[in-house]
PDB file of N, CA and C in Angstrom:
ATOM      1  N   MET A   1     -11.393 -74.205-117.685  1.00  0.00           N
ATOM      2  CA  MET A   1     -11.012 -73.037-117.628  1.00  0.00           C
ATOM      3  C   MET A   1     -10.815 -72.351-116.414  1.00  0.00           C
ATOM      4  N   VAL A   2      -9.764 -71.093-116.163  1.00  0.00           N
ATOM      5  CA  VAL A   2      -9.789 -70.864-115.432  1.00  0.00           C
ATOM      6  C   VAL A   2     -10.578 -69.474-115.383  1.00  0.00           C
ATOM      7  N   TRP A   3     -10.952 -68.816-114.153  1.00  0.00           N
ATOM      8  CA  TRP A   3     -11.873 -67.527-114.332  1.00  0.00           C
ATOM      9  C   TRP A   3     -10.727 -66.319-114.121  1.00  0.00           C
ATOM     10  N   ASP A   4     -10.740 -65.642-115.420  1.00  0.00           N
ATOM     11  CA  ASP A   4      -9.963 -64.326-114.720  1.00  0.00           C
ATOM     12  C   ASP A   4     -10.797 -62.883-114.296  1.00  0.00           C
ATOM     13  N   GLU A   5     -10.532 -62.794-113.435  1.00  0.00           N
ATOM     14  CA  GLU A   5     -10.661 -62.037-112.450  1.00  0.00           C
ATOM     15  C   GLU A   5     -10.912 -60.160-112.993  1.00  0.00           C
ATOM     16  N   ARG A   6     -10.027 -59.821-113.716  1.00  0.00           N
ATOM     17  CA  ARG A   6      -9.766 -58.787-114.445  1.00  0.00           C
ATOM     18  C   ARG A   6     -10.770 -58.706-115.680  1.00  0.00           C
ATOM     19  N   LYS A   7     -11.000 -59.948-116.492  1.00  0.00           N
ATOM     20  CA  LYS A   7     -11.721 -59.711-117.464  1.00  0.00           C
ATOM     21  C   LYS A   7     -13.304 -59.117-116.816  1.00  0.00           C
ATOM     22  N   ASP A   8     -13.610 -60.345-116.034  1.00  0.00           N
ATOM     23  CA  ASP A   8     -14.731 -59.849-115.295  1.00  0.00           C
ATOM     24  C   ASP A   8     -15.262 -58.293-115.132  1.00  0.00           C
ATOM     25  N   GLN A   9     -14.071 -57.508-113.973  1.00  0.00           N
ATOM     26  CA  GLN A   9     -13.931 -56.070-113.776  1.00  0.00           C
ATOM     27  C   GLN A   9     -14.038 -55.129-115.192  1.00  0.00           C
ATOM     28  N   ASN A  10     -13.145 -55.730-116.054  1.00  0.00           N
ATOM     29  CA  ASN A  10     -13.483 -55.049-117.344  1.00  0.00           C
ATOM     30  C   ASN A  10     -14.787 -55.170-117.754  1.00  0.00           C
ATOM     31  N   ARG A  11     -15.550 -55.945-117.707  1.00  0.00           N
ATOM     32  CA  ARG A  11     -16.690 -55.925-118.440  1.00  0.00           C
ATOM     33  C   ARG A  11     -17.892 -55.065-117.865  1.00  0.00           C
ATOM     34  N   TRP A  12     -17.910 -54.738-116.490  1.00  0.00           N
ATOM     35  CA  TRP A  12     -18.792 -53.589-115.899  1.00  0.00           C
ATOM     36  C   TRP A  12     -17.901 -52.372-115.853  1.00  0.00           C
ATOM     37  N   GLN A  13     -16.992 -52.155-116.031  1.00  0.00           N
ATOM     38  CA  GLN A  13     -16.557 -50.682-116.529  1.00  0.00           C
ATOM     39  C   GLN A  13     -17.095 -50.249-117.609  1.00  0.00           C
ATOM     40  N   MET A  14     -17.029 -48.483-117.077  1.00  0.00           N
ATOM     41  CA  MET A  14     -18.192 -47.771-118.497  1.00  0.00           C
ATOM     42  C   MET A  14     -17.497 -47.560-119.155  1.00  0.00           C
ATOM     43  N   LYS A  15     -17.667 -47.895-120.337  1.00  0.00           N
ATOM     44  CA  LYS A  15     -17.130 -47.236-121.471  1.00  0.00           C
ATOM     45  C   LYS A  15     -17.358 -45.711-122.320  1.00  0.00           C
ATOM     46  N   PHE A  16     -18.248 -45.815-122.022  1.00  0.00           N
ATOM     47  CA  PHE A  16     -18.669 -44.244-122.519  1.00  0.00           C
ATOM     48  C   PHE A  16     -19.877 -43.657-121.464  1.00  0.00           C
ATOM     49  N   ILE A  17     -20.000 -42.494-121.285  1.00  0.00           N
ATOM     50  CA  ILE A  17     -21.380 -41.969-120.629  1.00  0.00           C
ATOM     51  C   ILE A  17     -22.249 -41.489-121.327  1.00  0.00           C
ATOM     52  N   LEU A  18     -23.425 -41.756-121.137  1.00  0.00           N
ATOM     53  CA  LEU A  18     -24.738 -40.755-121.812  1.00  0.00           C
ATOM     54  C   LEU A  18     -24.723 -39.717-121.543  1.00  0.00           C
ATOM     55  N   PRO A  19     -25.338 -38.983-122.641  1.00  0.00           N
ATOM     56  CA  PRO A  19     -25.467 -37.631-122.551  1.00  0.00           C
ATOM     57  C   PRO A  19     -26.240 -37.279-121.466  1.00  0.00           C
ATOM     58  N   GLU A  20     -27.629 -38.449-120.755  1.00  0.00           N
ATOM     59  CA  GLU A  20     -27.980 -37.541-119.414  1.00  0.00           C
ATOM     60  C   GLU A  20     -26.979 -37.584-118.202  1.00  0.00           C
ATOM     61  N   HIS A  21     -26.122 -38.836-118.140  1.00  0.00           N
ATOM     62  CA  HIS A  21     -25.196 -38.853-117.510  1.00  0.00           C
ATOM     63  C   HIS A  21     -24.386 -37.929-116.934  1.00  0.00           C
ATOM     64  N   ASN A  22     -23.636 -37.354-118.404  1.00  0.00           N
ATOM     65  CA  ASN A  22     -22.672 -36.048-118.415  1.00  0.00           C
ATOM     66  C   ASN A  22     -23.181 -35.389-118.158  1.00  0.00           C
ATOM     67  N   GLU A  23     -24.344 -35.013-118.028  1.00  0.00           N
ATOM     68  CA  GLU A  23     -25.391 -33.676-118.015  1.00  0.00           C
ATOM     69  C   GLU A  23     -25.352 -33.555-116.872  1.00  0.00           C
ATOM     70  N   ALA A  24     -26.250 -34.795-116.132  1.00  0.00           N
ATOM     71  CA  ALA A  24     -26.270 -34.703-114.492  1.00  0.00           C
ATOM     72  C   ALA A  24     -24.766 -33.978-113.638  1.00  0.00           C
ATOM     73  N   LEU A  25     -23.749 -34.957-114.024  1.00  0.00           N
ATOM     74  CA  LEU A  25     -22.198 -34.689-113.702  1.00  0.00           C
ATOM     75  C   LEU A  25     -21.794 -33.275-113.565  1.00  0.00           C
ATOM     76  N   ARG A  26     -22.110 -32.611-114.895  1.00  0.00           N
ATOM     77  CA  ARG A  26     -22.038 -31.185-115.260  1.00  0.00           C
ATOM     78  C   ARG A  26     -22.583 -30.437-114.048  1.00  0.00           C
ATOM     79  N   GLN A  27     -24.481 -30.848-113.594  1.00  0.00           N
ATOM     80  CA  GLN A  27     -25.459 -30.113-112.906  1.00  0.00           C
ATOM     81  C   GLN A  27     -24.737 -30.276-111.291  1.00  0.00           C
ATOM     82  N   LEU A  28     -24.113 -31.802-111.341  1.00  0.00           N
ATOM     83  CA  LEU A  28     -23.862 -31.950-109.833  1.00  0.00           C
ATOM     84  C   LEU A  28     -22.239 -30.967-109.363  1.00  0.00           C
ATOM     85  N   HIS A  29     -21.286 -30.820-110.527  1.00  0.00           N
ATOM     86  CA  HIS A  29     -19.899 -29.769-110.210  1.00  0.00           C
ATOM     87  C   HIS A  29     -20.448 -28.754-110.248  1.00  0.00           C
ATOM     88  N   LEU A  30     -21.531 -27.903-111.071  1.00  0.00           N
ATOM     89  CA  LEU A  30     -21.932 -26.643-110.566  1.00  0.00           C
ATOM     90  C   LEU A  30     -22.997 -26.353-109.346  1.00  0.00           C
ATOM     91  N   ALA A  31     -23.801 -27.127-108.786  1.00  0.00           N
ATOM     92  CA  ALA A  31     -24.101 -27.082-107.469  1.00  0.00           C
ATOM     93  C   ALA A  31     -22.886 -26.905-106.386  1.00  0.00           C
ATOM     94  N   LYS A  32     -21.702 -27.567-106.299  1.00  0.00           N
ATOM     95  CA  LYS A  32     -20.778 -27.821-105.501  1.00  0.00           C
ATOM     96  C   LYS A  32     -20.338 -26.193-105.205  1.00  0.00           C
ATOM     97  N   HIS A  33     -20.053 -25.714-106.406  1.00  0.00           N
ATOM     98  CA  HIS A  33     -19.726 -24.141-106.696  1.00  0.00           C
ATOM     99  C   HIS A  33     -20.661 -22.897-106.394  1.00  0.00           C
ATOM    100  N   LYS A  34     -21.523 -23.347-106.338  1.00  0.00           N
ATOM    101  CA  LYS A  34     -22.845 -22.095-106.292  1.00  0.00           C
ATOM    102  C   LYS A  34     -22.741 -21.198-104.444  1.00  0.00           C
ATOM    103  N   ILE A  35     -22.659 -20.030-104.632  1.00  0.00           N
ATOM    104  CA  ILE A  35     -22.728 -19.431-103.213  1.00  0.00           C
ATOM    105  C   ILE A  35     -24.179 -19.089-102.938  1.00  0.00           C
ATOM    106  N   GLU A  36     -24.314 -18.575-101.885  1.00  0.00           N
ATOM    107  CA  GLU A  36     -25.735 -18.093-101.240  1.00  0.00           C
ATOM    108  C   GLU A  36     -25.635 -16.643-101.457  1.00  0.00           C
ATOM    109  N   ARG A  37     -26.561 -15.531-101.571  1.00  0.00           N
ATOM    110  CA  ARG A  37     -26.700 -14.513-102.002  1.00  0.00           C
ATOM    111  C   ARG A  37     -26.163 -13.713-100.848  1.00  0.00           C
ATOM    112  N   PRO A  38     -25.031 -12.655-100.807  1.00  0.00           N
ATOM    113  CA  PRO A  38     -24.733 -11.929 -99.961  1.00  0.00           C
ATOM    114  C   PRO A  38     -25.583 -10.595 -99.680  1.00  0.00           C
ATOM    115  N   THR A  39     -25.820 -10.779 -98.361  1.00  0.00           N
ATOM    116  CA  THR A  39     -26.648  -9.424 -98.176  1.00  0.00           C
ATOM    117  C   THR A  39     -25.571  -7.712 -97.737  1.00  0.00           C
ATOM    118  N   LEU A  40     -26.151  -7.026 -98.414  1.00  0.00           N
ATOM    119  CA  LEU A  40     -25.666  -5.933 -98.433  1.00  0.00           C
ATOM    120  C   LEU A  40     -25.543  -4.953 -97.138  1.00  0.00           C
ATOM    121  N   SER A  41     -24.631  -3.891 -96.835  1.00  0.00           N
ATOM    122  CA  SER A  41     -24.998  -3.200 -95.568  1.00  0.00           C
ATOM    123  C   SER A  41     -25.237  -1.839 -96.472  1.00  0.00           C
ATOM    124  N   PRO A  42     -26.351  -1.118 -96.041  1.00  0.00           N
ATOM    125  CA  PRO A  42     -26.801   0.448 -96.453  1.00  0.00           C
ATOM    126  C   PRO A  42     -25.616   0.643 -96.585  1.00  0.00           C
ATOM    127  N   GLU A  43     -24.509   0.944 -95.967  1.00  0.00           N
ATOM    128  CA  GLU A  43     -23.229   1.758 -96.517  1.00  0.00           C
ATOM    129  C   GLU A  43     -23.143   1.549 -97.503  1.00  0.00           C
ATOM    130  N   GLN A  44     -22.517   0.174 -98.257  1.00  0.00           N
ATOM    131  CA  GLN A  44     -22.271  -0.576 -99.832  1.00  0.00           C
ATOM    132  C   GLN A  44     -23.419   0.184-100.346  1.00  0.00           C
ATOM    133  N   ILE A  45     -24.385   0.074-100.540  1.00  0.00           N
ATOM    134  CA  ILE A  45     -25.401   0.321-101.332  1.00  0.00           C
ATOM    135  C   ILE A  45     -25.229   1.636-101.532  1.00  0.00           C
ATOM    136  N   GLU A  46     -25.365   2.667-100.421  1.00  0.00           N
ATOM    137  CA  GLU A  46     -25.128   3.758-100.577  1.00  0.00           C
ATOM    138  C   GLU A  46     -23.538   4.602-101.220  1.00  0.00           C
ATOM    139  N   GLU A  47     -22.687   3.861-101.172  1.00  0.00           N
ATOM    140  CA  GLU A  47     -21.439   3.994-101.823  1.00  0.00           C
ATOM    141  C   GLU A  47     -21.342   3.324-103.309  1.00  0.00           C
ATOM    142  N   PHE A  48     -22.122   2.293-103.655  1.00  0.00           N
ATOM    143  CA  PHE A  48     -22.409   2.155-104.973  1.00  0.00           C
ATOM    144  C   PHE A  48     -23.230   3.161-105.647  1.00  0.00           C
ATOM    145  N   GLU A  49     -24.410   3.562-105.196  1.00  0.00           N
ATOM    146  CA  GLU A  49     -24.793   4.628-105.161  1.00  0.00           C
ATOM    147  C   GLU A  49     -24.120   5.914-106.378  1.00  0.00           C
ATOM    148  N   TYR A  50     -23.187   6.445-105.189  1.00  0.00           N
ATOM    149  CA  TYR A  50     -22.624   7.313-105.169  1.00  0.00           C
ATOM    150  C   TYR A  50     -21.435   6.867-106.847  1.00  0.00           C
ATOM    151  N   THR A  51     -20.810   6.284-106.603  1.00  0.00           N
ATOM    152  CA  THR A  51     -20.098   5.311-107.514  1.00  0.00           C
ATOM    153  C   THR A  51     -20.834   5.228-109.000  1.00  0.00           C
ATOM    154  N   ILE A  52     -21.817   5.178-109.054  1.00  0.00           N
ATOM    155  CA  ILE A  52     -22.799   4.913-110.405  1.00  0.00           C
ATOM    156  C   ILE A  52     -22.745   6.165-111.070  1.00  0.00           C
ATOM    157  N   ALA A  53     -23.602   7.363-109.851  1.00  0.00           N
ATOM    158  CA  ALA A  53     -23.741   8.781-110.106  1.00  0.00           C
ATOM    159  C   ALA A  53     -22.541   9.580-110.639  1.00  0.00           C
ATOM    160  N   THR A  54     -21.502   9.272-110.342  1.00  0.00           N
ATOM    161  CA  THR A  54     -20.297  10.236-110.231  1.00  0.00           C
ATOM    162  C   THR A  54     -19.550   9.330-111.740  1.00  0.00           C
ATOM    163  N   ALA A  55     -19.815   7.862-112.168  1.00  0.00           N
ATOM    164  CA  ALA A  55     -19.269   7.687-113.689  1.00  0.00           C
ATOM    165  C   ALA A  55     -20.409   8.011-114.204  1.00  0.00           C
ATOM    166  N   MET A  56     -21.703   7.882-114.299  1.00  0.00           N
ATOM    167  CA  MET A  56     -22.895   8.817-115.332  1.00  0.00           C
ATOM    168  C   MET A  56     -22.523   9.925-115.725  1.00  0.00           C
ATOM    169  N   SER A  57     -21.900  11.113-114.481  1.00  0.00           N
ATOM    170  CA  SER A  57     -21.732  12.297-114.972  1.00  0.00           C
ATOM    171  C   SER A  57     -20.716  12.302-115.619  1.00  0.00           C
ATOM    172  N   GLU A  58     -19.721  11.710-115.632  1.00  0.00           N
ATOM    173  CA  GLU A  58     -18.272  11.798-116.362  1.00  0.00           C
ATOM    174  C   GLU A  58     -17.931  11.014-117.575  1.00  0.00           C
ATOM    175  N   ASP A  59     -19.514  10.269-118.038  1.00  0.00           N
ATOM    176  CA  ASP A  59     -19.107   9.229-118.835  1.00  0.00           C
ATOM    177  C   ASP A  59     -18.372   7.952-118.739  1.00  0.00           C
ATOM    178  N   SER A  60     -18.194   7.777-117.817  1.00  0.00           N
ATOM    179  CA  SER A  60     -17.069   6.633-117.304  1.00  0.00           C
ATOM    180  C   SER A  60     -17.906   5.280-117.133  1.00  0.00           C
ATOM    181  N   THR A  61     -16.886   4.440-117.467  1.00  0.00           N
ATOM    182  CA  THR A  61     -16.815   2.510-117.292  1.00  0.00           C
ATOM    183  C   THR A  61     -16.786   2.082-116.368  1.00  0.00           C
ATOM    184  N   LEU A  62     -17.793   1.381-115.808  1.00  0.00           N
ATOM    185  CA  LEU A  62     -18.034   0.725-114.831  1.00  0.00           C
ATOM    186  C   LEU A  62     -17.854  -1.063-114.630  1.00  0.00           C
ATOM    187  N   ASN A  63     -17.312  -1.439-113.589  1.00  0.00           N
ATOM    188  CA  ASN A  63     -17.024  -3.012-113.717  1.00  0.00           C
ATOM    189  C   ASN A  63     -18.551  -3.618-112.667  1.00  0.00           C
ATOM    190  N   PHE A  64     -19.298  -4.347-112.707  1.00  0.00           N
ATOM    191  CA  PHE A  64     -20.643  -4.491-112.170  1.00  0.00           C
ATOM    192  C   PHE A  64     -20.452  -6.002-111.830  1.00  0.00           C
ATOM    193  N   GLU A  65     -19.825  -6.735-110.367  1.00  0.00           N
ATOM    194  CA  GLU A  65     -20.422  -8.137-110.203  1.00  0.00           C
ATOM    195  C   GLU A  65     -21.920  -8.296-109.681  1.00  0.00           C
ATOM    196  N   LEU A  66     -22.514  -9.143-110.340  1.00  0.00           N
ATOM    197  CA  LEU A  66     -23.415  -9.593-110.131  1.00  0.00           C
ATOM    198  C   LEU A  66     -23.838 -11.352-109.669  1.00  0.00           C
ATOM    199  N   PHE A  67     -24.685 -10.959-108.791  1.00  0.00           N
ATOM    200  CA  PHE A  67     -25.512 -12.326-108.624  1.00  0.00           C
ATOM    201  C   PHE A  67     -26.324 -12.983-109.542  1.00  0.00           C
ATOM    202  N   ASP A  68     -25.783 -13.950-110.238  1.00  0.00           N
ATOM    203  CA  ASP A  68     -26.756 -14.912-111.165  1.00  0.00           C
ATOM    204  C   ASP A  68     -26.656 -16.229-110.999  1.00  0.00           C
ATOM    205  N   ASP A  69     -27.643 -16.418-109.802  1.00  0.00           N
ATOM    206  CA  ASP A  69     -28.177 -17.977-109.690  1.00  0.00           C
ATOM    207  C   ASP A  69     -27.040 -19.008-109.040  1.00  0.00           C
ATOM    208  N   GLY A  70     -26.759 -17.739-107.843  1.00  0.00           N
ATOM    209  CA  GLY A  70     -26.071 -18.315-107.144  1.00  0.00           C
ATOM    210  C   GLY A  70     -24.488 -18.447-107.977  1.00  0.00           C
ATOM    211  N   PHE A  71     -24.245 -18.145-108.784  1.00  0.00           N
ATOM    212  CA  PHE A  71     -22.734 -17.673-109.434  1.00  0.00           C
ATOM    213  C   PHE A  71     -22.596 -16.132-109.317  1.00  0.00           C
ATOM    214  N   VAL A  72     -21.100 -15.874-109.219  1.00  0.00           N
ATOM    215  CA  VAL A  72     -20.817 -14.078-110.030  1.00  0.00           C
ATOM    216  C   VAL A  72     -20.494 -13.818-111.096  1.00  0.00           C
ATOM    217  N   ARG A  73     -21.112 -13.107-111.965  1.00  0.00           N
ATOM    218  CA  ARG A  73     -21.326 -12.443-113.209  1.00  0.00           C
ATOM    219  C   ARG A  73     -20.896 -11.117-113.277  1.00  0.00           C
ATOM    220  N   GLU A  74     -19.998 -10.909-114.144  1.00  0.00           N
ATOM    221  CA  GLU A  74     -18.908  -9.492-114.333  1.00  0.00           C
ATOM    222  C   GLU A  74     -19.799  -8.765-115.393  1.00  0.00           C
ATOM    223  N   VAL A  75     -20.144  -7.355-115.644  1.00  0.00           N
ATOM    224  CA  VAL A  75     -20.563  -6.950-116.703  1.00  0.00           C
ATOM    225  C   VAL A  75     -19.580  -5.196-116.609  1.00  0.00           C
ATOM    226  N   SER A  76     -19.257  -5.276-117.746  1.00  0.00           N
ATOM    227  CA  SER A  76     -18.544  -3.836-117.789  1.00  0.00           C
ATOM    228  C   SER A  76     -19.166  -3.287-119.051  1.00  0.00           C
ATOM    229  N   GLY A  77     -19.352  -1.662-118.328  1.00  0.00           N
ATOM    230  CA  GLY A  77     -19.791  -0.858-119.796  1.00  0.00           C
ATOM    231  C   GLY A  77     -20.364   0.324-118.524  1.00  0.00           C
ATOM    232  N   GLN A  78     -20.811   1.390-119.878  1.00  0.00           N
ATOM    233  CA  GLN A  78     -21.418   2.720-119.238  1.00  0.00           C
ATOM    234  C   GLN A  78     -22.968   2.559-119.021  1.00  0.00           C
ATOM    235  N   VAL A  79     -23.701   3.214-117.862  1.00  0.00           N
ATOM    236  CA  VAL A  79     -25.043   3.085-117.704  1.00  0.00           C
ATOM    237  C   VAL A  79     -25.323   4.768-118.273  1.00  0.00           C
ATOM    238  N   VAL A  80     -26.132   4.006-119.190  1.00  0.00           N
ATOM    239  CA  VAL A  80     -26.515   4.643-120.058  1.00  0.00           C
ATOM    240  C   VAL A  80     -28.335   5.286-119.548  1.00  0.00           C
ATOM    241  N   TYR A  81     -28.801   4.745-118.672  1.00  0.00           N
ATOM    242  CA  TYR A  81     -30.245   5.139-118.261  1.00  0.00           C
ATOM    243  C   TYR A  81     -30.527   4.064-117.313  1.00  0.00           C
ATOM    244  N   VAL A  82     -31.052   4.998-116.048  1.00  0.00           N
ATOM    245  CA  VAL A  82     -32.076   4.511-114.654  1.00  0.00           C
ATOM    246  C   VAL A  82     -33.359   4.205-114.789  1.00  0.00           C
ATOM    247  N   ASP A  83     -33.607   3.411-114.529  1.00  0.00           N
ATOM    248  CA  ASP A  83     -35.297   2.600-114.691  1.00  0.00           C
ATOM    249  C   ASP A  83     -35.385   2.994-113.046  1.00  0.00           C
ATOM    250  N   HIS A  84     -36.315   3.706-112.331  1.00  0.00           N
ATOM    251  CA  HIS A  84     -36.356   3.950-111.365  1.00  0.00           C
ATOM    252  C   HIS A  84     -37.360   2.987-110.150  1.00  0.00           C
ATOM    253  N   ILE A  85     -38.430   2.707-111.817  1.00  0.00           N
ATOM    254  CA  ILE A  85     -39.809   1.741-111.476  1.00  0.00           C
ATOM    255  C   ILE A  85     -39.419   0.490-111.641  1.00  0.00           C
ATOM    256  N   LYS A  86     -38.530   0.299-112.602  1.00  0.00           N
ATOM    257  CA  LYS A  86     -38.387  -1.346-112.670  1.00  0.00           C
ATOM    258  C   LYS A  86     -37.336  -1.796-111.794  1.00  0.00           C
ATOM    259  N   LYS A  87     -36.400  -0.787-111.113  1.00  0.00           N
ATOM    260  CA  LYS A  87     -35.617  -1.018-110.822  1.00  0.00           C
ATOM    261  C   LYS A  87     -34.169  -1.359-111.551  1.00  0.00           C
ATOM    262  N   LEU A  88     -33.746  -0.925-112.397  1.00  0.00           N
ATOM    263  CA  LEU A  88     -32.746  -1.560-113.327  1.00  0.00           C
ATOM    264  C   LEU A  88     -32.356  -0.524-113.919  1.00  0.00           C
ATOM    265  N   PHE A  89     -30.638  -0.818-114.092  1.00  0.00           N
ATOM    266  CA  PHE A  89     -29.813  -0.017-115.005  1.00  0.00           C
ATOM    267  C   PHE A  89     -29.442  -0.518-116.666  1.00  0.00           C
ATOM    268  N   HIS A  90     -29.636   0.053-117.140  1.00  0.00           N
ATOM    269  CA  HIS A  90     -29.077   0.051-119.044  1.00  0.00           C
ATOM    270  C   HIS A  90     -27.583   0.480-119.054  1.00  0.00           C
ATOM    271  N   VAL A  91     -26.867  -0.648-119.078  1.00  0.00           N
ATOM    272  CA  VAL A  91     -25.468  -0.691-119.155  1.00  0.00           C
ATOM    273  C   VAL A  91     -25.277  -1.006-120.817  1.00  0.00           C
ATOM    274  N   LYS A  92     -24.705  -0.204-121.197  1.00  0.00           N
ATOM    275  CA  LYS A  92     -24.117  -0.264-122.925  1.00  0.00           C
ATOM    276  C   LYS A  92     -22.682  -0.779-122.590  1.00  0.00           C
ATOM    277  N   ASP A  93     -22.184  -2.105-123.238  1.00  0.00           N
ATOM    278  CA  ASP A  93     -21.077  -2.926-122.984  1.00  0.00           C
ATOM    279  C   ASP A  93     -20.450  -1.937-124.662  1.00  0.00           C
ATOM    280  N   SER A  94     -18.826  -2.786-124.329  1.00  0.00           N
ATOM    281  CA  SER A  94     -17.604  -2.746-125.458  1.00  0.00           C
ATOM    282  C   SER A  94     -18.333  -2.709-126.679  1.00  0.00           C
ATOM    283  N   ARG A  95     -19.461  -3.704-126.743  1.00  0.00           N
ATOM    284  CA  ARG A  95     -19.929  -4.282-128.160  1.00  0.00           C
ATOM    285  C   ARG A  95     -21.198  -3.346-128.571  1.00  0.00           C
ATOM    286  N   SER A  96     -21.733  -2.708-127.913  1.00  0.00           N
ATOM    287  CA  SER A  96     -22.544  -1.866-128.264  1.00  0.00           C
ATOM    288  C   SER A  96     -24.006  -2.613-127.671  1.00  0.00           C
ATOM    289  N   ASP A  97     -24.110  -3.512-126.953  1.00  0.00           N
ATOM    290  CA  ASP A  97     -24.885  -4.380-126.414  1.00  0.00           C
ATOM    291  C   ASP A  97     -25.270  -3.448-125.304  1.00  0.00           C
ATOM    292  N   THR A  98     -26.850  -3.377-124.803  1.00  0.00           N
ATOM    293  CA  THR A  98     -27.357  -3.409-123.738  1.00  0.00           C
ATOM    294  C   THR A  98     -27.832  -4.208-122.524  1.00  0.00           C
ATOM    295  N   ASN A  99     -27.360  -3.815-121.751  1.00  0.00           N
ATOM    296  CA  ASN A  99     -27.274  -5.523-120.522  1.00  0.00           C
ATOM    297  C   ASN A  99     -28.330  -4.285-119.464  1.00  0.00           C
ATOM    298  N   LEU A 100     -29.479  -5.229-119.339  1.00  0.00           N
ATOM    299  CA  LEU A 100     -30.138  -4.993-118.048  1.00  0.00           C
ATOM    300  C   LEU A 100     -29.662  -5.371-117.261  1.00  0.00           C
ATOM    301  N   ILE A 101     -29.509  -4.560-115.775  1.00  0.00           N
ATOM    302  CA  ILE A 101     -29.294  -5.173-114.543  1.00  0.00           C
ATOM    303  C   ILE A 101     -29.918  -4.699-113.037  1.00  0.00           C
ATOM    304  N   LYS A 102     -30.567  -5.649-112.832  1.00  0.00           N
ATOM    305  CA  LYS A 102     -31.282  -5.377-111.202  1.00  0.00           C
ATOM    306  C   LYS A 102     -30.258  -4.811-110.301  1.00  0.00           C
ATOM    307  N   PHE A 103     -31.176  -4.004-109.558  1.00  0.00           N
ATOM    308  CA  PHE A 103     -30.443  -3.179-108.341  1.00  0.00           C
ATOM    309  C   PHE A 103     -29.944  -4.059-107.707  1.00  0.00           C
ATOM    310  N   ALA A 104     -31.048  -5.614-107.262  1.00  0.00           N
ATOM    311  CA  ALA A 104     -30.752  -6.218-106.336  1.00  0.00           C
ATOM    312  C   ALA A 104     -29.768  -6.955-106.660  1.00  0.00           C
ATOM    313  N   ASP A 105     -29.605  -7.156-107.918  1.00  0.00           N
ATOM    314  CA  ASP A 105     -28.515  -8.406-107.929  1.00  0.00           C
ATOM    315  C   ASP A 105     -26.878  -7.730-108.197  1.00  0.00           C
ATOM    316  N   ILE A 106     -26.339  -6.656-108.142  1.00  0.00           N
ATOM    317  CA  ILE A 106     -25.386  -6.085-107.715  1.00  0.00           C
ATOM    318  C   ILE A 106     -24.594  -6.023-106.061  1.00  0.00           C
ATOM    319  N   LEU A 107     -23.548  -6.778-106.615  1.00  0.00           N
ATOM    320  CA  LEU A 107     -22.724  -7.245-105.625  1.00  0.00           C
ATOM    321  C   LEU A 107     -21.370  -6.097-105.094  1.00  0.00           C
ATOM    322  N   ASN A 108     -21.034  -5.368-106.241  1.00  0.00           N
ATOM    323  CA  ASN A 108     -20.113  -4.854-106.246  1.00  0.00           C
ATOM    324  C   ASN A 108     -19.871  -3.887-107.563  1.00  0.00           C
ATOM    325  N   VAL A 109     -19.671  -2.383-107.204  1.00  0.00           N
ATOM    326  CA  VAL A 109     -19.030  -1.626-108.777  1.00  0.00           C
ATOM    327  C   VAL A 109     -17.937  -1.130-108.411  1.00  0.00           C
ATOM    328  N   LYS A 110     -17.114  -1.199-109.478  1.00  0.00           N
ATOM    329  CA  LYS A 110     -15.847  -0.594-109.665  1.00  0.00           C
ATOM    330  C   LYS A 110     -15.665   0.525-110.551  1.00  0.00           C
ATOM    331  N   THR A 111     -14.803   1.564-110.713  1.00  0.00           N
ATOM    332  CA  THR A 111     -14.797   2.202-111.730  1.00  0.00           C
ATOM    333  C   THR A 111     -13.408   1.479-112.725  1.00  0.00           C
ATOM    334  N   LEU A 112     -13.380   1.723-113.898  1.00  0.00           N
ATOM    335  CA  LEU A 112     -12.388   0.869-114.555  1.00  0.00           C
ATOM    336  C   LEU A 112     -11.250   2.237-114.914  1.00  0.00           C
TER     337      LEU A 112
END
């Protein structure tokens, strides 16, 4: 009987991926794309404050870029309340959902 190397290789190839392996591969892929939290200058923070105050007085919609556990997330809406004690913005989006945005998570603010 002749030993067929191809059959032996096919025997050990993975035919399916276990859910645990799939999740580990997904987590590894996500970890590669994570970023460090950038530090903002006082001028940038002051510019954000001015943009937000102007938008609140004119009922304008803002687009927030937020740092979310190593990734950048965007939230658009109108700032309806500022909680200075908890350092949160209450932002109402187009679906009338209220998003709570921490001051420290803001990377950028733009008027739409």
